[in-house]
């Protein structure tokens, strides 16, 4: 179970830095990471990293799809973790 939490933490750290990288690319007028990809990363258990990335880097904070969608992804991530860990004894 320890490795699960480590992997989840590393994944969210990666998502956090992807949001930062996209912000950097936006400032330098470079090729950007598609919005679908950023949202998918949040949905695939990276909600915490995405929320923190949005707040720390002030990135995508004016786009409704992100200001609503990313927190919803975080809530879905938390619900999935709850079901995984506690529903009918959990997997772990």
Protein backbone atom coordinates (compact mmCIF):
# COMPACT_ATOMS: atom_id res chain seq x y z
CA UNK A 1 0.00 0.00 0.00
CA UNK A 2 2.95 2.28 0.66
CA UNK A 3 3.96 2.09 -3.00
CA UNK A 4 0.46 3.01 -4.11
CA UNK A 5 0.61 6.29 -2.15
CA UNK A 6 4.13 7.01 -3.40
CA UNK A 7 3.04 6.41 -7.01
CA UNK A 8 -0.02 8.60 -6.53
CA UNK A 9 2.13 11.37 -5.04
CA UNK A 10 4.67 11.15 -7.87
CA UNK A 11 1.88 11.20 -10.45
CA UNK A 12 0.35 14.33 -8.92
CA UNK A 13 3.77 15.97 -8.82
CA UNK A 14 4.16 15.22 -12.53
CA UNK A 15 0.73 16.71 -13.27
CA UNK A 16 1.63 19.78 -11.19
CA UNK A 17 4.78 20.34 -13.25
CA UNK A 18 2.95 19.74 -16.54
CA UNK A 19 0.62 22.61 -15.65
CA UNK A 20 3.67 24.73 -14.84
CA UNK A 21 5.32 23.76 -18.11
CA UNK A 22 2.23 24.74 -20.06
CA UNK A 23 2.17 28.11 -18.30
CA UNK A 24 5.83 28.65 -19.19
CA UNK A 25 5.12 27.75 -22.81
CA UNK A 26 2.19 30.18 -22.84
CA UNK A 27 4.43 33.00 -21.64
CA UNK A 28 7.05 32.24 -24.30
CA UNK A 29 4.46 31.83 -27.07
CA UNK A 30 5.57 28.25 -27.72
CA UNK A 31 3.71 25.08 -28.69
CA UNK A 32 1.19 24.33 -25.94
CA UNK A 33 -0.09 21.21 -24.24
CA UNK A 34 -3.66 20.60 -25.47
CA UNK A 35 -6.41 21.47 -23.00
CA UNK A 36 -7.87 17.97 -23.42
CA UNK A 37 -4.58 16.53 -22.22
CA UNK A 38 -4.44 18.80 -19.18
CA UNK A 39 -8.00 17.83 -18.23
CA UNK A 40 -7.30 14.15 -18.84
CA UNK A 41 -4.28 14.27 -16.53
CA UNK A 42 -6.50 15.75 -13.81
CA UNK A 43 -9.17 13.11 -14.38
CA UNK A 44 -6.68 10.23 -14.26
CA UNK A 45 -5.99 10.64 -10.52
CA UNK A 46 -4.04 13.88 -10.99
CA UNK A 47 -6.70 16.21 -9.66
CA UNK A 48 -4.69 17.43 -6.69
CA UNK A 49 -1.64 18.19 -8.81
CA UNK A 50 -3.81 20.00 -11.35
CA UNK A 51 -5.58 22.12 -8.73
CA UNK A 52 -2.28 23.04 -7.10
CA UNK A 53 -0.70 23.73 -10.50
CA UNK A 54 -3.55 26.04 -11.42
CA UNK A 55 -3.22 27.94 -8.15
CA UNK A 56 0.57 28.15 -7.90
CA UNK A 57 1.19 29.01 -11.56
CA UNK A 58 -2.04 31.05 -11.97
CA UNK A 59 -2.74 28.95 -15.03
CA UNK A 60 -6.12 28.38 -16.68
CA UNK A 61 -7.84 30.23 -13.84
CA UNK A 62 -10.06 32.23 -16.22
CA UNK A 63 -11.33 29.26 -18.22
CA UNK A 64 -14.62 27.87 -16.87
CA UNK A 65 -13.86 24.37 -18.10
CA UNK A 66 -10.82 24.38 -15.82
CA UNK A 67 -12.17 26.34 -12.85
CA UNK A 68 -15.10 23.92 -12.67
CA UNK A 69 -13.74 20.80 -14.37
CA UNK A 70 -10.48 20.38 -12.47
CA UNK A 71 -12.06 20.62 -8.98
CA UNK A 72 -14.71 18.15 -10.18
CA UNK A 73 -11.90 15.83 -11.28
CA UNK A 74 -10.35 16.16 -7.81
CA UNK A 75 -13.68 15.24 -6.20
CA UNK A 76 -14.01 12.25 -8.52
CA UNK A 77 -10.44 11.23 -7.65
CA UNK A 78 -11.27 11.41 -3.94
CA UNK A 79 -14.47 9.41 -4.46
CA UNK A 80 -12.53 6.75 -6.38
CA UNK A 81 -9.95 6.56 -3.59
CA UNK A 82 -12.70 6.25 -1.00
CA UNK A 83 -14.35 3.42 -2.90
CA UNK A 84 -11.02 1.71 -3.49
CA UNK A 85 -9.95 1.91 0.14
CA UNK A 86 -13.13 1.62 2.14
CA UNK A 87 -15.98 0.13 0.13
CA UNK A 88 -16.54 -3.51 1.16
CA UNK A 89 -13.20 -3.69 2.89
CA UNK A 90 -11.21 -2.06 0.13
CA UNK A 91 -8.55 -3.50 -2.11
CA UNK A 92 -5.71 -2.83 0.28
